[in-house]
C-alpha atoms as a PDB file:
ATOM      1  CA  MET A   1      42.979  32.111  45.038  1.00  0.00           C
ATOM      2  CA  LYS A   2      43.785  29.135  42.887  1.00  0.00           C
ATOM      3  CA  PRO A   3      41.471  28.208  40.029  1.00  0.00           C
ATOM      4  CA  LYS A   4      39.395  25.336  40.684  1.00  0.00           C
ATOM      5  CA  VAL A   5      39.354  22.338  38.208  1.00  0.00           C
ATOM      6  CA  LEU A   6      36.686  19.795  38.646  1.00  0.00           C
ATOM      7  CA  VAL A   7      37.502  16.401  37.533  1.00  0.00           C
ATOM      8  CA  VAL A   8      34.247  14.299  37.125  1.00  0.00           C
ATOM      9  CA  ASN A   9      34.746  10.600  37.232  1.00  0.00           C
ATOM     10  CA  GLY A  10      38.334  11.009  36.281  1.00  0.00           C
ATOM     11  CA  GLU A  11      41.717   9.568  37.240  1.00  0.00           C
ATOM     12  CA  ARG A  12      43.586  10.506  40.178  1.00  0.00           C
ATOM     13  CA  TYR A  13      46.689  11.802  38.540  1.00  0.00           C
ATOM     14  CA  TRP A  14      45.260  15.187  37.367  1.00  0.00           C
ATOM     15  CA  GLN A  15      46.599  17.234  40.138  1.00  0.00           C
ATOM     16  CA  ASP A  16      50.012  16.705  38.754  1.00  0.00           C
ATOM     17  CA  TYR A  17      49.023  18.482  35.420  1.00  0.00           C
ATOM     18  CA  PHE A  18      47.406  21.465  37.083  1.00  0.00           C
ATOM     19  CA  PRO A  19      49.996  22.269  39.652  1.00  0.00           C
ATOM     20  CA  ASP A  20      48.793  25.855  40.185  1.00  0.00           C
ATOM     21  CA  CYS A  21      45.232  24.826  40.522  1.00  0.00           C
ATOM     22  CA  GLU A  22      43.008  23.316  43.018  1.00  0.00           C
ATOM     23  CA  VAL A  23      41.922  19.959  41.580  1.00  0.00           C
ATOM     24  CA  ILE A  24      38.801  18.302  43.032  1.00  0.00           C
ATOM     25  CA  ARG A  25      37.395  15.008  42.065  1.00  0.00           C
ATOM     26  CA  LYS A  26      33.751  14.122  42.273  1.00  0.00           C
ATOM     27  CA  LYS A  27      31.649  11.392  40.815  1.00  0.00           C
ATOM     28  CA  ILE A  28      28.560  12.307  38.833  1.00  0.00           C
ATOM     29  CA  GLN A  29      26.319   9.794  40.552  1.00  0.00           C
ATOM     30  CA  ASP A  30      27.132  11.260  43.973  1.00  0.00           C
ATOM     31  CA  THR A  31      26.562  15.042  43.134  1.00  0.00           C
ATOM     32  CA  THR A  32      24.005  17.571  43.020  1.00  0.00           C
ATOM     33  CA  TRP A  33      24.346  20.299  40.314  1.00  0.00           C
ATOM     34  CA  VAL A  34      22.946  23.952  40.879  1.00  0.00           C
ATOM     35  CA  TYR A  35      23.043  26.705  38.265  1.00  0.00           C
ATOM     36  CA  ARG A  36      22.126  30.004  40.086  1.00  0.00           C
ATOM     37  CA  LYS A  37      22.627  33.658  39.221  1.00  0.00           C
ATOM     38  CA  GLY A  38      24.887  32.643  36.401  1.00  0.00           C
ATOM     39  CA  LYS A  39      27.177  30.547  38.330  1.00  0.00           C
ATOM     40  CA  LEU A  40      27.729  26.643  38.584  1.00  0.00           C
ATOM     41  CA  TRP A  41      27.856  24.931  41.758  1.00  0.00           C
ATOM     42  CA  VAL A  42      28.511  21.232  42.439  1.00  0.00           C
ATOM     43  CA  ALA A  43      27.967  19.521  45.901  1.00  0.00           C
ATOM     44  CA  ASP A  44      28.557  16.035  47.353  1.00  0.00           C
ATOM     45  CA  LYS A  45      29.219  14.729  50.832  1.00  0.00           C
ATOM     46  CA  ASP A  46      32.645  16.179  50.815  1.00  0.00           C
ATOM     47  CA  GLY A  47      31.526  19.850  50.087  1.00  0.00           C
ATOM     48  CA  THR A  48      30.289  22.174  47.533  1.00  0.00           C
ATOM     49  CA  ILE A  49      32.470  24.061  44.835  1.00  0.00           C
ATOM     50  CA  SER A  50      32.018  26.445  42.082  1.00  0.00           C
ATOM     51  CA  PRO A  51      34.516  25.251  39.490  1.00  0.00           C
ATOM     52  CA  ASP A  52      36.400  27.362  37.037  1.00  0.00           C
ATOM     53  CA  ALA A  53      36.800  24.456  34.657  1.00  0.00           C
ATOM     54  CA  VAL A  54      35.533  20.885  34.308  1.00  0.00           C
ATOM     55  CA  LEU A  55      37.438  18.030  32.922  1.00  0.00           C
ATOM     56  CA  TRP A  56      34.661  15.595  32.071  1.00  0.00           C
ATOM     57  CA  ARG A  57      35.666  11.953  32.216  1.00  0.00           C
ATOM     58  CA  VAL A  58      32.367  10.111  32.466  1.00  0.00           C
ATOM     59  CA  GLY A  59      32.798   7.422  30.068  1.00  0.00           C
ATOM     60  CA  ALA A  60      31.697   3.772  29.204  1.00  0.00           C
ATOM     61  CA  ILE A  61      28.018   4.350  30.192  1.00  0.00           C
ATOM     62  CA  PRO A  62      25.040   5.904  28.525  1.00  0.00           C
ATOM     63  CA  PRO A  63      24.004   9.368  29.593  1.00  0.00           C
ATOM     64  CA  SER A  64      21.623   9.398  32.412  1.00  0.00           C
ATOM     65  CA  GLY A  65      19.260  12.306  33.159  1.00  0.00           C
ATOM     66  CA  LYS A  66      21.638  13.748  35.747  1.00  0.00           C
ATOM     67  CA  GLN A  67      24.519  13.738  33.296  1.00  0.00           C
ATOM     68  CA  THR A  68      22.617  15.556  30.628  1.00  0.00           C
ATOM     69  CA  VAL A  69      21.285  18.061  32.992  1.00  0.00           C
ATOM     70  CA  ALA A  70      24.861  18.637  34.455  1.00  0.00           C
ATOM     71  CA  LEU A  71      26.322  19.156  30.924  1.00  0.00           C
ATOM     72  CA  ASP A  72      23.592  21.553  30.244  1.00  0.00           C
ATOM     73  CA  MET A  73      24.350  23.621  33.295  1.00  0.00           C
ATOM     74  CA  ILE A  74      28.053  23.623  32.494  1.00  0.00           C
ATOM     75  CA  ALA A  75      27.118  25.224  28.897  1.00  0.00           C
ATOM     76  CA  LEU A  76      24.626  27.674  30.748  1.00  0.00           C
ATOM     77  CA  SER A  77      27.371  28.773  33.147  1.00  0.00           C
ATOM     78  CA  GLY A  78      30.020  29.264  30.480  1.00  0.00           C
ATOM     79  CA  VAL A  79      32.569  27.214  32.566  1.00  0.00           C
ATOM     80  CA  ALA A  80      35.413  25.824  30.497  1.00  0.00           C
ATOM     81  CA  CYS A  81      34.927  22.150  29.782  1.00  0.00           C
ATOM     82  CA  SER A  82      36.988  19.669  28.019  1.00  0.00           C
ATOM     83  CA  ASN A  83      35.548  18.316  25.834  1.00  0.00           C
ATOM     84  CA  PRO A  84      33.195  21.084  25.030  1.00  0.00           C
ATOM     85  CA  VAL A  85      29.551  20.107  25.872  1.00  0.00           C
ATOM     86  CA  ALA A  86      28.277  20.114  22.362  1.00  0.00           C
ATOM     87  CA  SER A  87      30.863  17.389  21.419  1.00  0.00           C
ATOM     88  CA  LEU A  88      30.203  15.465  24.517  1.00  0.00           C
ATOM     89  CA  LYS A  89      26.450  15.288  23.851  1.00  0.00           C
ATOM     90  CA  LYS A  90      26.949  14.080  20.297  1.00  0.00           C
ATOM     91  CA  GLY A  91      29.532  11.454  21.465  1.00  0.00           C
ATOM     92  CA  TYR A  92      27.125   9.962  24.098  1.00  0.00           C
ATOM     93  CA  ASP A  93      24.624   8.941  21.265  1.00  0.00           C
ATOM     94  CA  ARG A  94      25.720   6.067  19.111  1.00  0.00           C
ATOM     95  CA  LEU A  95      23.545   7.206  16.221  1.00  0.00           C
ATOM     96  CA  SER A  96      24.840  10.828  16.477  1.00  0.00           C
ATOM     97  CA  MET A  97      28.371   9.475  16.545  1.00  0.00           C
ATOM     98  CA  LEU A  98      27.947   7.249  13.540  1.00  0.00           C
ATOM     99  CA  HIS A  99      26.431  10.167  11.625  1.00  0.00           C
ATOM    100  CA  GLU A 100      29.491  12.315  12.438  1.00  0.00           C
ATOM    101  CA  LEU A 101      31.749   9.399  11.268  1.00  0.00           C
ATOM    102  CA  GLN A 102      29.892   9.335   7.984  1.00  0.00           C
ATOM    103  CA  GLU A 103      30.037  12.967   7.479  1.00  0.00           C
ATOM    104  CA  ALA A 104      33.782  13.028   8.178  1.00  0.00           C
ATOM    105  CA  GLY A 105      34.222  10.463   5.324  1.00  0.00           C
ATOM    106  CA  LEU A 106      35.500   7.810   7.409  1.00  0.00           C
ATOM    107  CA  PRO A 107      35.022   4.207   6.265  1.00  0.00           C
ATOM    108  CA  VAL A 108      32.046   3.110   8.474  1.00  0.00           C
ATOM    109  CA  LEU A 109      30.912  -0.572   8.389  1.00  0.00           C
ATOM    110  CA  PRO A 110      27.334  -0.953   7.052  1.00  0.00           C
ATOM    111  CA  PHE A 111      24.925  -1.104   9.734  1.00  0.00           C
ATOM    112  CA  GLU A 112      21.313  -1.553  10.846  1.00  0.00           C
ATOM    113  CA  VAL A 113      19.403   0.197  13.437  1.00  0.00           C
ATOM    114  CA  ILE A 114      16.329  -0.835  15.352  1.00  0.00           C
ATOM    115  CA  SER A 115      14.569   1.674  17.510  1.00  0.00           C
ATOM    116  CA  ASP A 116      13.106  -0.913  19.916  1.00  0.00           C
ATOM    117  CA  THR A 117      15.205  -3.980  21.059  1.00  0.00           C
ATOM    118  CA  LYS A 118      11.870  -5.837  21.309  1.00  0.00           C
ATOM    119  CA  ALA A 119      11.871  -5.761  17.596  1.00  0.00           C
ATOM    120  CA  ALA A 120      15.638  -6.817  17.047  1.00  0.00           C
ATOM    121  CA  SER A 121      14.357  -9.933  15.156  1.00  0.00           C
ATOM    122  CA  ASN A 122      14.002  -7.513  12.297  1.00  0.00           C
ATOM    123  CA  VAL A 123      17.966  -7.467  11.824  1.00  0.00           C
ATOM    124  CA  SER A 124      18.633  -8.933   8.417  1.00  0.00           C
ATOM    125  CA  LEU A 125      22.266  -9.300   8.479  1.00  0.00           C
ATOM    126  CA  ASP A 126      23.953 -12.670   7.868  1.00  0.00           C
ATOM    127  CA  PHE A 127      25.798 -14.474  10.805  1.00  0.00           C
ATOM    128  CA  PRO A 128      28.183 -13.663  12.174  1.00  0.00           C
ATOM    129  CA  PHE A 129      27.267 -10.081  13.121  1.00  0.00           C
ATOM    130  CA  VAL A 130      27.869  -7.986  16.214  1.00  0.00           C
ATOM    131  CA  LEU A 131      24.920  -6.383  18.200  1.00  0.00           C
ATOM    132  CA  LYS A 132      25.283  -3.108  20.296  1.00  0.00           C
ATOM    133  CA  ALA A 133      22.687  -2.157  22.552  1.00  0.00           C
ATOM    134  CA  GLY A 134      22.484   1.453  23.492  1.00  0.00           C
ATOM    135  CA  ASN A 135      25.428   3.953  23.985  1.00  0.00           C
ATOM    136  CA  TYR A 136      28.032   1.880  25.923  1.00  0.00           C
ATOM    137  CA  HIS A 137      31.815   2.051  25.295  1.00  0.00           C
ATOM    138  CA  GLY A 138      34.581  -0.121  26.471  1.00  0.00           C
ATOM    139  CA  GLY A 139      33.126  -3.478  25.209  1.00  0.00           C
ATOM    140  CA  TYR A 140      29.768  -3.038  27.258  1.00  0.00           C
ATOM    141  CA  GLY A 141      26.429  -3.891  25.676  1.00  0.00           C
ATOM    142  CA  LYS A 142      28.039  -5.692  22.636  1.00  0.00           C
ATOM    143  CA  MET A 143      27.278  -9.281  21.570  1.00  0.00           C
ATOM    144  CA  LEU A 144      28.724 -11.438  18.882  1.00  0.00           C
ATOM    145  CA  ILE A 145      25.930 -13.303  17.226  1.00  0.00           C
ATOM    146  CA  LYS A 146      27.356 -16.325  15.610  1.00  0.00           C
ATOM    147  CA  ASN A 147      24.252 -18.386  14.525  1.00  0.00           C
ATOM    148  CA  GLU A 148      20.530 -18.732  15.100  1.00  0.00           C
ATOM    149  CA  ALA A 149      20.872 -20.386  18.579  1.00  0.00           C
ATOM    150  CA  SER A 150      23.040 -17.305  19.948  1.00  0.00           C
ATOM    151  CA  TRP A 151      20.612 -15.075  18.308  1.00  0.00           C
ATOM    152  CA  LYS A 152      17.594 -16.284  20.124  1.00  0.00           C
ATOM    153  CA  ASP A 153      19.600 -16.171  23.499  1.00  0.00           C
ATOM    154  CA  ALA A 154      20.455 -12.484  22.672  1.00  0.00           C
ATOM    155  CA  MET A 155      16.942 -11.469  21.701  1.00  0.00           C
ATOM    156  CA  SER A 156      15.675 -12.939  25.155  1.00  0.00           C
ATOM    157  CA  VAL A 157      18.068 -10.642  26.940  1.00  0.00           C
ATOM    158  CA  LEU A 158      17.364  -7.679  24.506  1.00  0.00           C
ATOM    159  CA  TYR A 159      13.508  -8.125  25.336  1.00  0.00           C
ATOM    160  CA  LEU A 160      14.255  -6.993  28.919  1.00  0.00           C
ATOM    161  CA  THR A 161      15.997  -3.601  27.791  1.00  0.00           C
ATOM    162  CA  ASP A 162      14.609  -0.372  26.805  1.00  0.00           C
ATOM    163  CA  THR A 163      16.789   1.145  24.073  1.00  0.00           C
ATOM    164  CA  TYR A 164      17.688   0.955  20.536  1.00  0.00           C
ATOM    165  CA  CYS A 165      20.409  -1.379  19.025  1.00  0.00           C
ATOM    166  CA  THR A 166      22.616  -1.306  16.138  1.00  0.00           C
ATOM    167  CA  ALA A 167      24.024  -4.372  14.119  1.00  0.00           C
ATOM    168  CA  GLU A 168      27.059  -4.543  11.985  1.00  0.00           C
ATOM    169  CA  PRO A 169      28.947  -7.194  10.112  1.00  0.00           C
ATOM    170  CA  PHE A 170      31.573  -9.110  12.169  1.00  0.00           C
ATOM    171  CA  VAL A 171      35.078  -8.419  10.994  1.00  0.00           C
ATOM    172  CA  ASP A 172      37.668 -11.126  11.973  1.00  0.00           C
ATOM    173  CA  TYR A 173      40.214  -8.430  12.306  1.00  0.00           C
ATOM    174  CA  GLU A 174      43.935  -8.718  11.612  1.00  0.00           C
ATOM    175  CA  GLU A 175      44.505  -5.442  13.472  1.00  0.00           C
ATOM    176  CA  ASP A 176      42.549  -3.408  15.907  1.00  0.00           C
ATOM    177  CA  ILE A 177      43.883   0.234  15.763  1.00  0.00           C
ATOM    178  CA  ARG A 178      42.984   3.247  17.847  1.00  0.00           C
ATOM    179  CA  TYR A 179      43.783   6.699  16.685  1.00  0.00           C
ATOM    180  CA  ILE A 180      43.852   9.334  19.404  1.00  0.00           C
ATOM    181  CA  VAL A 181      44.013  13.178  18.962  1.00  0.00           C
ATOM    182  CA  VAL A 182      44.864  15.472  21.839  1.00  0.00           C
ATOM    183  CA  GLY A 183      45.144  18.994  21.005  1.00  0.00           C
ATOM    184  CA  GLU A 184      47.324  18.967  17.708  1.00  0.00           C
ATOM    185  CA  THR A 185      49.109  15.637  18.587  1.00  0.00           C
ATOM    186  CA  ILE A 186      47.792  12.423  16.772  1.00  0.00           C
ATOM    187  CA  MET A 187      48.912   8.880  17.664  1.00  0.00           C
ATOM    188  CA  ALA A 188      47.914   5.366  16.658  1.00  0.00           C
ATOM    189  CA  MET A 189      48.093   2.126  18.864  1.00  0.00           C
ATOM    190  CA  THR A 190      47.427  -1.453  17.649  1.00  0.00           C
ATOM    191  CA  ARG A 191      45.726  -3.678  20.239  1.00  0.00           C
ATOM    192  CA  LYS A 192      45.140  -7.372  20.702  1.00  0.00           C
ATOM    193  CA  GLY A 193      42.457  -8.648  23.098  1.00  0.00           C
ATOM    194  CA  LYS A 194      41.892 -12.103  24.742  1.00  0.00           C
ATOM    195  CA  GLY A 195      38.700 -12.596  22.742  1.00  0.00           C
ATOM    196  CA  TRP A 196      36.895 -10.885  19.669  1.00  0.00           C
ATOM    197  CA  LYS A 197      36.736  -7.539  21.576  1.00  0.00           C
ATOM    198  CA  ALA A 198      40.226  -6.001  21.081  1.00  0.00           C
ATOM    199  CA  ASN A 199      39.637  -3.385  23.694  1.00  0.00           C
ATOM    200  CA  VAL A 200      38.662  -5.733  26.452  1.00  0.00           C
ATOM    201  CA  ASP A 201      41.294  -7.844  28.422  1.00  0.00           C
ATOM    202  CA  THR A 202      43.904  -6.365  26.080  1.00  0.00           C
ATOM    203  CA  GLN A 203      47.003  -8.726  26.032  1.00  0.00           C
ATOM    204  CA  SER A 204      49.093  -6.503  23.956  1.00  0.00           C
ATOM    205  CA  PHE A 205      49.418  -3.016  22.544  1.00  0.00           C
ATOM    206  CA  LYS A 206      51.962  -1.103  20.425  1.00  0.00           C
ATOM    207  CA  ILE A 207      52.348   2.490  19.254  1.00  0.00           C
ATOM    208  CA  VAL A 208      52.523   2.547  15.371  1.00  0.00           C
ATOM    209  CA  GLY A 209      52.547   4.995  12.654  1.00  0.00           C
ATOM    210  CA  THR A 210      49.514   6.823  11.247  1.00  0.00           C
ATOM    211  CA  GLU A 211      48.246   6.144   7.807  1.00  0.00           C
ATOM    212  CA  LYS A 212      47.802   9.480   5.899  1.00  0.00           C
ATOM    213  CA  GLY A 213      44.363   8.942   4.690  1.00  0.00           C
ATOM    214  CA  LEU A 214      42.982   7.806   8.077  1.00  0.00           C
ATOM    215  CA  LYS A 215      44.847  10.527   9.953  1.00  0.00           C
ATOM    216  CA  THR A 216      43.425  13.286   7.671  1.00  0.00           C
ATOM    217  CA  LYS A 217      39.941  12.135   8.237  1.00  0.00           C
ATOM    218  CA  VAL A 218      40.361  11.708  12.004  1.00  0.00           C
ATOM    219  CA  LEU A 219      41.870  15.236  12.263  1.00  0.00           C
ATOM    220  CA  GLY A 220      38.949  16.445  10.200  1.00  0.00           C
ATOM    221  CA  LEU A 221      36.357  14.749  12.482  1.00  0.00           C
ATOM    222  CA  LYS A 222      38.088  16.315  15.539  1.00  0.00           C
ATOM    223  CA  SER A 223      37.987  19.683  14.012  1.00  0.00           C
ATOM    224  CA  GLY A 224      34.353  19.421  13.062  1.00  0.00           C
ATOM    225  CA  LEU A 225      33.337  18.384  16.541  1.00  0.00           C
ATOM    226  CA  GLY A 226      35.336  21.087  18.088  1.00  0.00           C
ATOM    227  CA  ALA A 227      36.859  18.488  20.494  1.00  0.00           C
ATOM    228  CA  ASP A 228      40.071  18.769  22.569  1.00  0.00           C
ATOM    229  CA  ILE A 229      40.518  14.917  22.732  1.00  0.00           C
ATOM    230  CA  LEU A 230      39.082  12.143  20.449  1.00  0.00           C
ATOM    231  CA  ALA A 231      39.788   8.531  19.781  1.00  0.00           C
ATOM    232  CA  VAL A 232      38.646   6.588  16.721  1.00  0.00           C
ATOM    233  CA  ASP A 233      38.729   2.720  16.611  1.00  0.00           C
ATOM    234  CA  PHE A 234      39.277   1.124  13.424  1.00  0.00           C
ATOM    235  CA  VAL A 235      39.602  -2.613  12.573  1.00  0.00           C
ATOM    236  CA  LYS A 236      41.577  -3.949   9.645  1.00  0.00           C
ATOM    237  CA  ASP A 237      40.634  -7.105   7.961  1.00  0.00           C
ATOM    238  CA  LYS A 238      42.845  -9.701   6.445  1.00  0.00           C
ATOM    239  CA  GLN A 239      42.724  -7.982   3.059  1.00  0.00           C
ATOM    240  CA  GLY A 240      44.148  -4.786   4.454  1.00  0.00           C
ATOM    241  CA  ASN A 241      40.788  -2.790   4.523  1.00  0.00           C
ATOM    242  CA  SER A 242      40.230  -0.478   7.484  1.00  0.00           C
ATOM    243  CA  PHE A 243      36.844   0.239   8.915  1.00  0.00           C
ATOM    244  CA  ALA A 244      35.851   2.859  11.614  1.00  0.00           C
ATOM    245  CA  LEU A 245      33.732   1.274  14.309  1.00  0.00           C
ATOM    246  CA  GLU A 246      33.174   4.206  16.705  1.00  0.00           C
ATOM    247  CA  TYR A 247      34.685   7.142  18.122  1.00  0.00           C
ATOM    248  CA  ASN A 248      35.122   8.068  21.697  1.00  0.00           C
ATOM    249  CA  ASP A 249      35.649  11.674  23.087  1.00  0.00           C
ATOM    250  CA  ILE A 250      36.306  10.584  26.636  1.00  0.00           C
ATOM    251  CA  PRO A 251      38.966   7.938  25.870  1.00  0.00           C
ATOM    252  CA  GLY A 252      41.353   6.280  28.330  1.00  0.00           C
ATOM    253  CA  LEU A 253      44.848   7.228  27.973  1.00  0.00           C
ATOM    254  CA  SER A 254      46.397   4.023  29.299  1.00  0.00           C
ATOM    255  CA  GLY A 255      49.224   2.757  26.894  1.00  0.00           C
ATOM    256  CA  PHE A 256      49.922   6.073  25.381  1.00  0.00           C
ATOM    257  CA  PRO A 257      52.664   8.315  26.420  1.00  0.00           C
ATOM    258  CA  GLN A 258      51.983  10.434  29.520  1.00  0.00           C
ATOM    259  CA  SER A 259      52.693  13.596  27.461  1.00  0.00           C
ATOM    260  CA  LEU A 260      49.156  13.335  26.166  1.00  0.00           C
ATOM    261  CA  ARG A 261      47.873  14.001  29.702  1.00  0.00           C
ATOM    262  CA  GLY A 262      49.890  17.177  29.896  1.00  0.00           C
ATOM    263  CA  ILE A 263      48.607  18.328  26.291  1.00  0.00           C
ATOM    264  CA  LEU A 264      45.021  17.694  27.432  1.00  0.00           C
ATOM    265  CA  ALA A 265      45.686  19.820  30.589  1.00  0.00           C
ATOM    266  CA  LYS A 266      47.045  22.500  28.451  1.00  0.00           C
ATOM    267  CA  THR A 267      44.074  22.516  26.183  1.00  0.00           C
ATOM    268  CA  LEU A 268      41.801  23.041  29.066  1.00  0.00           C
ATOM    269  CA  ARG A 269      44.113  25.775  30.586  1.00  0.00           C
ATOM    270  CA  LYS A 270      43.871  27.434  27.289  1.00  0.00           C
ATOM    271  CA  ARG A 271      39.915  27.461  27.550  1.00  0.00           C
ATOM    272  CA  MET A 272      40.441  28.953  31.141  1.00  0.00           C
ATOM    273  CA  ASN A 273      42.739  31.678  29.637  1.00  0.00           C
ATOM    274  CA  ILE A 274      45.532  30.780  32.251  1.00  0.00           C
END
């Protein structure tokens, strides 16, 4: 019987990278998860499976209760997962993520945190600054606050939310750079977006060489997290200073060589001992 690889909210191409496995795609929002007698089961309208491995690709949204429970069940069952559950749970929380960036010695922008968005008026940064509500990736939940008027508008929206927010100085970037590590392979890409968010409506991108100092710290962060795949986003200002904005351990692979997909599949196969 072929090993079963469950791809959660992932891309359709993964069957090509696990040719000797049965690859099943399911969406976290449509599934029921069961841990019984030491074994993991996942069910939706298309059927029930007991996976031998999970490729977790649930990104760009904050963790719901179901996601957290599902991750805990994966850990309890001992089913191979990429990334490992402990790494995924840290990456889903912006404050944990920022702490890990700091611990790895990456150049993080100074930031403020307000535990309740209804108290966001306590942010003391000068205009312009960037406000980030919750744990979203991919440009979601982020606002550029240019002046007092836009700040009042933002606060009226934040009042309706129930999460914390972070604020950081706005960098009118010269370059936006994403470092990505899969297995032992590290690459960098510059991106240019239509607006101030470089990773939204990307107009151009280019694979570039890595800088030794940043490369070393990114590899150290990945090692500390025990991750199989990790991306770190930097902005470089007009003076040539680079700042780490966030890391993402469920990054998209668009624009990078397809070989990275094979490397990620290989790391999961290694966890499966096949």
